[in-house]
């Protein structure tokens, strides 16, 4: 293989212990409201809001939970907010049996970036941000690495 792949993979953060929500087509004010309400109701210690594109946000909570509690929290958020996009996200996460949020760019969308922090940040949020940083550094180094040299026909 002498040429770089033209594939453009979408990289994400996936686990079963971190409560993660994907709010599409919702104002920043509404996202903060729902994140605060969910965080207080389930005592999730803190949260971070990341903007993935215009009126599209990701929320990551700080407290580690079991998968069954994670599903309960996501389901509760869907029922209370009546948000169809979040409900679609919830169903997909249940099918996969783990929740995932995008970290890398996607088509014309930039990497999701933190826009709001609230409460504790030293548990699952720290893990998420460390993984995000490591992945972004890896991609940056990959993009700046020299291209492999093609071999000539004699194999020299």
N, C-alpha and C. Protein backbone atom coordinates (compact mmCIF):
# COMPACT_ATOMS: atom_id res chain seq x y z
N UNK A 1 0.86 -1.17 0.00
CA UNK A 1 0.00 0.00 0.00
C UNK A 1 0.90 1.23 0.00
N UNK A 2 0.95 1.94 -1.09
CA UNK A 2 1.86 3.05 -1.22
C UNK A 2 1.18 4.41 -1.10
N UNK A 3 -0.10 4.47 -1.23
CA UNK A 3 -0.82 5.73 -1.11
C UNK A 3 -1.59 5.77 0.20
N UNK A 4 -1.75 6.98 0.69
CA UNK A 4 -2.56 7.14 1.90
C UNK A 4 -4.02 6.85 1.60
N UNK A 5 -4.67 6.27 2.57
CA UNK A 5 -6.09 5.97 2.40
C UNK A 5 -6.88 7.26 2.30
N UNK A 6 -7.88 7.27 1.48
CA UNK A 6 -8.76 8.43 1.35
C UNK A 6 -9.95 8.34 2.32
N UNK A 7 -9.98 7.27 3.12
CA UNK A 7 -11.06 7.09 4.08
C UNK A 7 -11.04 8.22 5.10
N UNK A 8 -12.19 8.60 5.57
CA UNK A 8 -12.31 9.66 6.56
C UNK A 8 -13.14 9.13 7.72
N UNK A 9 -12.52 8.33 8.61
CA UNK A 9 -13.29 7.73 9.69
C UNK A 9 -13.79 8.76 10.70
N UNK A 10 -14.88 8.44 11.35
CA UNK A 10 -15.43 9.27 12.42
C UNK A 10 -15.10 8.57 13.72
N UNK A 11 -14.36 9.25 14.58
CA UNK A 11 -13.90 8.65 15.83
C UNK A 11 -14.75 9.16 16.98
N UNK A 12 -14.99 8.28 17.95
CA UNK A 12 -15.83 8.65 19.07
C UNK A 12 -15.36 8.06 20.38
N UNK A 13 -16.04 8.43 21.43
CA UNK A 13 -15.77 7.94 22.78
C UNK A 13 -16.97 7.08 23.18
N UNK A 14 -16.69 5.82 23.49
CA UNK A 14 -17.77 4.88 23.78
C UNK A 14 -17.47 4.12 25.06
N UNK A 15 -18.46 3.99 25.92
CA UNK A 15 -18.36 3.15 27.10
C UNK A 15 -19.76 2.91 27.65
N UNK A 16 -19.85 2.21 28.75
CA UNK A 16 -21.16 1.95 29.36
C UNK A 16 -21.33 2.69 30.70
N UNK A 17 -20.25 3.26 31.23
CA UNK A 17 -20.28 3.85 32.58
C UNK A 17 -20.49 5.35 32.62
N UNK A 18 -20.42 6.01 31.47
CA UNK A 18 -20.55 7.47 31.43
C UNK A 18 -21.89 7.84 30.83
N UNK A 19 -22.64 8.67 31.54
CA UNK A 19 -23.90 9.16 31.00
C UNK A 19 -23.57 10.24 29.97
N UNK A 20 -23.97 9.98 28.73
CA UNK A 20 -23.73 10.91 27.62
C UNK A 20 -25.05 11.12 26.89
N UNK A 21 -25.32 12.36 26.53
CA UNK A 21 -26.55 12.69 25.82
C UNK A 21 -26.22 13.52 24.59
N UNK A 22 -27.02 13.37 23.55
CA UNK A 22 -26.83 14.08 22.29
C UNK A 22 -28.09 14.87 21.99
N UNK A 23 -28.01 16.19 22.16
CA UNK A 23 -29.15 17.07 21.93
C UNK A 23 -28.97 17.77 20.59
N UNK A 24 -29.78 17.42 19.61
CA UNK A 24 -29.75 18.07 18.31
C UNK A 24 -30.95 19.00 18.18
N UNK A 25 -30.76 20.08 17.46
CA UNK A 25 -31.83 21.06 17.22
C UNK A 25 -32.43 21.57 18.53
N UNK A 26 -31.54 21.99 19.42
CA UNK A 26 -31.99 22.53 20.71
C UNK A 26 -31.10 23.72 21.06
N UNK A 27 -31.69 24.74 21.65
CA UNK A 27 -30.92 25.92 22.03
C UNK A 27 -29.95 25.58 23.16
N UNK A 28 -28.88 26.36 23.24
CA UNK A 28 -27.90 26.18 24.30
C UNK A 28 -28.55 26.34 25.67
N UNK A 29 -29.44 27.30 25.81
CA UNK A 29 -30.14 27.54 27.08
C UNK A 29 -30.94 26.30 27.50
N UNK A 30 -31.64 25.68 26.56
CA UNK A 30 -32.42 24.47 26.86
C UNK A 30 -31.51 23.30 27.23
N UNK A 31 -30.40 23.16 26.53
CA UNK A 31 -29.44 22.09 26.85
C UNK A 31 -28.93 22.25 28.28
N UNK A 32 -28.55 23.48 28.65
CA UNK A 32 -28.09 23.72 30.02
C UNK A 32 -29.18 23.39 31.04
N UNK A 33 -30.43 23.77 30.73
CA UNK A 33 -31.54 23.47 31.63
C UNK A 33 -31.67 21.96 31.85
N UNK A 34 -31.71 21.19 30.74
CA UNK A 34 -31.90 19.74 30.86
C UNK A 34 -30.70 19.07 31.51
N UNK A 35 -29.49 19.51 31.18
CA UNK A 35 -28.30 18.93 31.80
C UNK A 35 -28.31 19.19 33.31
N UNK A 36 -28.67 20.39 33.71
CA UNK A 36 -28.75 20.72 35.15
C UNK A 36 -29.81 19.89 35.85
N UNK A 37 -30.97 19.79 35.23
CA UNK A 37 -32.08 19.03 35.84
C UNK A 37 -31.73 17.56 35.98
N UNK A 38 -31.18 16.96 34.94
CA UNK A 38 -30.78 15.55 34.96
C UNK A 38 -29.67 15.34 35.99
N UNK A 39 -28.69 16.23 35.97
CA UNK A 39 -27.56 16.11 36.90
C UNK A 39 -28.00 16.18 38.36
N UNK A 40 -28.91 17.09 38.67
CA UNK A 40 -29.42 17.19 40.05
C UNK A 40 -30.27 15.99 40.43
N UNK A 41 -31.18 15.58 39.55
CA UNK A 41 -32.10 14.49 39.84
C UNK A 41 -31.36 13.18 40.13
N UNK A 42 -30.30 12.92 39.36
CA UNK A 42 -29.57 11.66 39.51
C UNK A 42 -28.23 11.81 40.24
N UNK A 43 -27.99 13.01 40.79
CA UNK A 43 -26.77 13.28 41.56
C UNK A 43 -25.51 12.87 40.77
N UNK A 44 -25.38 13.45 39.57
CA UNK A 44 -24.29 13.09 38.66
C UNK A 44 -23.04 13.97 38.82
N UNK A 45 -22.99 14.79 39.87
CA UNK A 45 -21.83 15.58 40.29
C UNK A 45 -21.51 16.79 39.42
N UNK A 46 -21.52 16.65 38.14
CA UNK A 46 -21.19 17.75 37.25
C UNK A 46 -21.40 17.33 35.81
N UNK A 47 -21.23 18.29 34.91
CA UNK A 47 -21.36 17.97 33.49
C UNK A 47 -20.58 18.95 32.65
N UNK A 48 -20.36 18.57 31.42
CA UNK A 48 -19.74 19.43 30.42
C UNK A 48 -20.64 19.41 29.19
N UNK A 49 -20.79 20.58 28.57
CA UNK A 49 -21.55 20.68 27.33
C UNK A 49 -20.55 20.96 26.21
N UNK A 50 -20.65 20.18 25.14
CA UNK A 50 -19.81 20.37 23.97
C UNK A 50 -20.69 20.74 22.79
N UNK A 51 -20.28 21.72 22.01
CA UNK A 51 -21.03 22.13 20.82
C UNK A 51 -20.48 21.34 19.65
N UNK A 52 -21.34 20.54 18.99
CA UNK A 52 -20.87 19.74 17.86
C UNK A 52 -21.12 20.45 16.53
N UNK A 53 -22.11 21.30 16.46
CA UNK A 53 -22.38 22.19 15.32
C UNK A 53 -23.52 23.11 15.74
N UNK A 54 -24.03 23.89 14.83
CA UNK A 54 -25.05 24.86 15.17
C UNK A 54 -26.30 24.20 15.78
N UNK A 55 -26.64 24.59 17.01
CA UNK A 55 -27.79 24.05 17.76
C UNK A 55 -27.73 22.55 17.96
N UNK A 56 -26.50 21.99 18.03
CA UNK A 56 -26.29 20.56 18.29
C UNK A 56 -25.23 20.45 19.39
N UNK A 57 -25.62 19.78 20.48
CA UNK A 57 -24.76 19.72 21.65
C UNK A 57 -24.65 18.30 22.19
N UNK A 58 -23.50 18.02 22.79
CA UNK A 58 -23.29 16.78 23.52
C UNK A 58 -23.14 17.14 24.99
N UNK A 59 -23.62 16.27 25.87
CA UNK A 59 -23.46 16.47 27.31
C UNK A 59 -22.83 15.21 27.89
N UNK A 60 -21.80 15.40 28.71
CA UNK A 60 -21.12 14.30 29.39
C UNK A 60 -21.19 14.60 30.88
N UNK A 61 -21.65 13.61 31.66
CA UNK A 61 -21.77 13.77 33.11
C UNK A 61 -20.58 13.13 33.83
N UNK A 62 -20.31 13.56 35.05
CA UNK A 62 -19.08 13.20 35.74
C UNK A 62 -19.12 11.90 36.53
N UNK A 63 -20.26 11.53 37.11
CA UNK A 63 -20.30 10.36 37.98
C UNK A 63 -20.35 9.06 37.19
N UNK A 64 -19.56 8.09 37.58
CA UNK A 64 -19.59 6.76 36.98
C UNK A 64 -20.85 6.04 37.45
N UNK A 65 -21.54 5.39 36.50
CA UNK A 65 -22.77 4.66 36.82
C UNK A 65 -22.73 3.29 36.14
N UNK A 66 -23.60 2.40 36.56
CA UNK A 66 -23.74 1.10 35.88
C UNK A 66 -24.49 1.31 34.57
N UNK A 67 -24.39 0.32 33.67
CA UNK A 67 -25.11 0.44 32.40
C UNK A 67 -26.62 0.51 32.64
N UNK A 68 -27.14 -0.27 33.59
CA UNK A 68 -28.59 -0.24 33.82
C UNK A 68 -29.04 1.13 34.32
N UNK A 69 -28.26 1.78 35.18
CA UNK A 69 -28.62 3.13 35.63
C UNK A 69 -28.45 4.12 34.48
N UNK A 70 -27.43 3.94 33.66
CA UNK A 70 -27.21 4.80 32.50
C UNK A 70 -28.44 4.78 31.59
N UNK A 71 -28.94 3.58 31.30
CA UNK A 71 -30.13 3.43 30.46
C UNK A 71 -31.33 4.12 31.13
N UNK A 72 -31.48 3.93 32.43
CA UNK A 72 -32.58 4.57 33.17
C UNK A 72 -32.50 6.09 33.05
N UNK A 73 -31.30 6.65 33.18
CA UNK A 73 -31.12 8.11 33.11
C UNK A 73 -31.43 8.62 31.70
N UNK A 74 -30.90 7.94 30.69
CA UNK A 74 -31.17 8.36 29.31
C UNK A 74 -32.66 8.28 29.00
N UNK A 75 -33.30 7.20 29.44
CA UNK A 75 -34.74 7.03 29.21
C UNK A 75 -35.55 8.11 29.91
N UNK A 76 -35.18 8.40 31.16
CA UNK A 76 -35.86 9.45 31.92
C UNK A 76 -35.73 10.79 31.20
N UNK A 77 -34.52 11.07 30.70
CA UNK A 77 -34.28 12.33 29.99
C UNK A 77 -35.16 12.42 28.75
N UNK A 78 -35.30 11.31 28.04
CA UNK A 78 -36.16 11.29 26.84
C UNK A 78 -37.61 11.55 27.20
N UNK A 79 -38.10 10.87 28.23
CA UNK A 79 -39.50 11.03 28.63
C UNK A 79 -39.80 12.43 29.13
N UNK A 80 -38.90 12.97 29.93
CA UNK A 80 -39.14 14.30 30.51
C UNK A 80 -39.02 15.40 29.46
N UNK A 81 -38.00 15.31 28.60
CA UNK A 81 -37.76 16.39 27.63
C UNK A 81 -38.64 16.26 26.38
N UNK A 82 -39.14 15.05 26.12
CA UNK A 82 -39.95 14.78 24.92
C UNK A 82 -39.19 15.17 23.64
N UNK A 83 -37.87 15.02 23.67
CA UNK A 83 -37.02 15.40 22.55
C UNK A 83 -36.83 14.21 21.62
N UNK A 84 -37.34 14.30 20.39
CA UNK A 84 -37.32 13.17 19.45
C UNK A 84 -35.90 12.77 19.06
N UNK A 85 -35.02 13.74 18.86
CA UNK A 85 -33.64 13.43 18.50
C UNK A 85 -32.93 12.68 19.61
N UNK A 86 -33.13 13.10 20.85
CA UNK A 86 -32.52 12.41 21.99
C UNK A 86 -33.08 11.00 22.11
N UNK A 87 -34.35 10.82 21.84
CA UNK A 87 -34.97 9.49 21.90
C UNK A 87 -34.36 8.57 20.85
N UNK A 88 -34.11 9.10 19.65
CA UNK A 88 -33.45 8.31 18.61
C UNK A 88 -32.05 7.90 19.03
N UNK A 89 -31.30 8.84 19.62
CA UNK A 89 -29.96 8.56 20.14
C UNK A 89 -30.03 7.46 21.21
N UNK A 90 -30.97 7.60 22.12
CA UNK A 90 -31.15 6.63 23.21
C UNK A 90 -31.40 5.22 22.67
N UNK A 91 -32.28 5.09 21.70
CA UNK A 91 -32.59 3.78 21.12
C UNK A 91 -31.34 3.15 20.50
N UNK A 92 -30.58 3.95 19.75
CA UNK A 92 -29.35 3.43 19.14
C UNK A 92 -28.34 2.97 20.19
N UNK A 93 -28.23 3.72 21.28
CA UNK A 93 -27.28 3.34 22.34
C UNK A 93 -27.72 2.04 23.01
N UNK A 94 -29.02 1.86 23.20
CA UNK A 94 -29.53 0.62 23.78
C UNK A 94 -29.26 -0.57 22.86
N UNK A 95 -29.43 -0.38 21.57
CA UNK A 95 -29.15 -1.46 20.62
C UNK A 95 -27.68 -1.86 20.69
N UNK A 96 -26.78 -0.87 20.75
CA UNK A 96 -25.34 -1.13 20.81
C UNK A 96 -24.89 -1.63 22.18
N UNK A 97 -25.68 -1.37 23.19
CA UNK A 97 -25.37 -1.67 24.60
C UNK A 97 -24.12 -0.93 25.07
N UNK A 98 -24.04 0.31 24.70
CA UNK A 98 -22.98 1.22 25.11
C UNK A 98 -23.28 2.57 24.48
N UNK A 99 -22.84 3.65 25.10
CA UNK A 99 -23.14 4.97 24.52
C UNK A 99 -21.88 5.59 23.94
N UNK A 100 -22.06 6.30 22.84
CA UNK A 100 -20.95 6.88 22.07
C UNK A 100 -21.26 8.32 21.71
N UNK A 101 -20.24 9.16 21.79
CA UNK A 101 -20.32 10.52 21.28
C UNK A 101 -19.14 10.74 20.34
N UNK A 102 -19.38 11.50 19.30
CA UNK A 102 -18.34 11.80 18.32
C UNK A 102 -17.29 12.72 18.91
N UNK A 103 -16.01 12.47 18.55
CA UNK A 103 -14.90 13.32 18.97
C UNK A 103 -14.24 13.98 17.76
N UNK A 104 -14.22 13.30 16.65
CA UNK A 104 -13.52 13.79 15.46
C UNK A 104 -14.43 14.64 14.58
N UNK A 105 -13.84 15.31 13.58
CA UNK A 105 -14.67 16.02 12.61
C UNK A 105 -15.55 15.03 11.85
N UNK A 106 -16.64 15.54 11.27
CA UNK A 106 -17.56 14.70 10.50
C UNK A 106 -18.08 15.54 9.34
N UNK A 107 -17.75 15.12 8.12
CA UNK A 107 -18.14 15.86 6.91
C UNK A 107 -17.77 17.32 7.08
N UNK A 108 -18.75 18.22 7.11
CA UNK A 108 -18.46 19.64 7.22
C UNK A 108 -18.53 20.15 8.67
N UNK A 109 -18.62 19.23 9.63
CA UNK A 109 -18.70 19.62 11.04
C UNK A 109 -17.32 19.49 11.70
N UNK A 110 -16.97 20.47 12.53
CA UNK A 110 -15.71 20.42 13.27
C UNK A 110 -15.82 19.46 14.44
N UNK A 111 -14.70 19.24 15.12
CA UNK A 111 -14.70 18.43 16.35
C UNK A 111 -15.60 19.13 17.38
N UNK A 112 -16.39 18.37 18.13
CA UNK A 112 -17.17 19.00 19.21
C UNK A 112 -16.23 19.69 20.19
N UNK A 113 -16.58 20.88 20.62
CA UNK A 113 -15.71 21.64 21.51
C UNK A 113 -16.45 22.03 22.79
N UNK A 114 -15.76 21.98 23.92
CA UNK A 114 -16.40 22.36 25.19
C UNK A 114 -16.83 23.82 25.18
N UNK A 115 -18.06 24.05 25.63
CA UNK A 115 -18.57 25.42 25.70
C UNK A 115 -19.11 25.75 27.10
N UNK A 116 -19.26 24.74 27.97
CA UNK A 116 -19.81 25.02 29.30
C UNK A 116 -19.43 23.88 30.25
N UNK A 117 -18.97 24.27 31.44
CA UNK A 117 -18.62 23.31 32.49
C UNK A 117 -19.46 23.63 33.72
N UNK A 118 -19.90 22.58 34.42
CA UNK A 118 -20.65 22.80 35.65
C UNK A 118 -20.30 21.68 36.64
N UNK A 119 -20.01 22.06 37.88
CA UNK A 119 -19.80 21.09 38.95
C UNK A 119 -18.47 20.35 38.85
N UNK A 120 -18.45 19.17 39.45
CA UNK A 120 -17.24 18.34 39.49
C UNK A 120 -16.84 17.91 38.08
N UNK A 121 -15.52 17.82 37.88
CA UNK A 121 -14.99 17.45 36.57
C UNK A 121 -13.88 16.40 36.69
N UNK A 122 -13.76 15.76 37.85
CA UNK A 122 -12.59 14.90 38.09
C UNK A 122 -12.86 13.40 37.93
N UNK A 123 -14.03 13.01 37.45
CA UNK A 123 -14.35 11.60 37.27
C UNK A 123 -14.42 11.23 35.79
N UNK A 124 -15.62 10.93 35.32
CA UNK A 124 -15.82 10.51 33.94
C UNK A 124 -15.50 11.63 32.94
N UNK A 125 -15.72 12.87 33.34
CA UNK A 125 -15.40 13.98 32.45
C UNK A 125 -13.90 14.05 32.22
N UNK A 126 -13.12 13.88 33.28
CA UNK A 126 -11.66 13.88 33.12
C UNK A 126 -11.24 12.78 32.15
N UNK A 127 -11.78 11.58 32.31
CA UNK A 127 -11.45 10.47 31.41
C UNK A 127 -11.83 10.81 29.97
N UNK A 128 -13.01 11.37 29.78
CA UNK A 128 -13.47 11.75 28.45
C UNK A 128 -12.53 12.77 27.82
N UNK A 129 -12.19 13.82 28.58
CA UNK A 129 -11.33 14.88 28.04
C UNK A 129 -9.92 14.38 27.76
N UNK A 130 -9.39 13.49 28.62
CA UNK A 130 -8.06 12.92 28.38
C UNK A 130 -8.07 12.08 27.10
N UNK A 131 -9.09 11.26 26.92
CA UNK A 131 -9.20 10.44 25.71
C UNK A 131 -9.34 11.34 24.48
N UNK A 132 -10.16 12.36 24.59
CA UNK A 132 -10.36 13.31 23.49
C UNK A 132 -9.05 13.96 23.10
N UNK A 133 -8.27 14.40 24.09
CA UNK A 133 -6.98 15.03 23.83
C UNK A 133 -6.01 14.04 23.16
N UNK A 134 -5.94 12.82 23.69
CA UNK A 134 -5.04 11.80 23.14
C UNK A 134 -5.41 11.52 21.68
N UNK A 135 -6.68 11.36 21.40
CA UNK A 135 -7.14 11.05 20.06
C UNK A 135 -6.85 12.20 19.10
N UNK A 136 -7.08 13.41 19.52
CA UNK A 136 -6.81 14.57 18.67
C UNK A 136 -5.32 14.71 18.39
N UNK A 137 -4.48 14.44 19.38
CA UNK A 137 -3.02 14.48 19.17
C UNK A 137 -2.60 13.40 18.18
N UNK A 138 -3.16 12.21 18.32
CA UNK A 138 -2.85 11.10 17.41
C UNK A 138 -3.21 11.47 15.97
N UNK A 139 -4.39 12.01 15.77
CA UNK A 139 -4.84 12.40 14.44
C UNK A 139 -3.94 13.52 13.89
N UNK A 140 -3.58 14.48 14.73
CA UNK A 140 -2.70 15.57 14.30
C UNK A 140 -1.36 15.03 13.84
N UNK A 141 -0.77 14.11 14.61
CA UNK A 141 0.52 13.52 14.24
C UNK A 141 0.40 12.69 12.98
N UNK A 142 -0.70 12.00 12.84
CA UNK A 142 -0.92 11.19 11.65
C UNK A 142 -0.98 12.07 10.40
N UNK A 143 -1.62 13.21 10.51
CA UNK A 143 -1.75 14.12 9.37
C UNK A 143 -0.40 14.75 9.00
N UNK A 144 0.47 14.94 9.98
CA UNK A 144 1.75 15.60 9.70
C UNK A 144 2.89 14.61 9.46
N UNK A 145 2.64 13.32 9.58
CA UNK A 145 3.70 12.34 9.34
C UNK A 145 4.04 12.30 7.86
N UNK A 146 5.32 11.99 7.53
CA UNK A 146 5.70 11.95 6.11
C UNK A 146 4.98 10.82 5.38
N UNK A 147 4.70 11.06 4.09
CA UNK A 147 4.04 10.05 3.27
C UNK A 147 5.01 8.90 3.02
N UNK A 148 4.51 7.65 3.00
CA UNK A 148 5.39 6.53 2.68
C UNK A 148 5.87 6.63 1.24
N UNK A 149 7.15 6.24 1.03
CA UNK A 149 7.73 6.27 -0.30
C UNK A 149 7.34 5.02 -1.07
N UNK A 150 6.91 5.19 -2.33
CA UNK A 150 6.57 4.00 -3.12
C UNK A 150 7.81 3.20 -3.49
N UNK A 151 7.66 1.90 -3.58
CA UNK A 151 8.76 1.02 -3.98
C UNK A 151 8.82 1.00 -5.50
N UNK A 152 10.06 0.86 -6.01
CA UNK A 152 10.16 0.73 -7.46
C UNK A 152 9.88 -0.71 -7.86
N UNK A 153 9.78 -0.96 -9.13
CA UNK A 153 9.39 -2.29 -9.62
C UNK A 153 10.39 -3.38 -9.28
N UNK A 154 11.68 -3.04 -9.10
CA UNK A 154 12.67 -4.05 -8.77
C UNK A 154 12.68 -4.38 -7.29
N UNK A 155 11.90 -3.66 -6.47
CA UNK A 155 11.81 -3.94 -5.04
C UNK A 155 12.93 -3.32 -4.24
N UNK A 156 13.66 -2.35 -4.81
CA UNK A 156 14.77 -1.69 -4.10
C UNK A 156 14.30 -0.54 -3.28
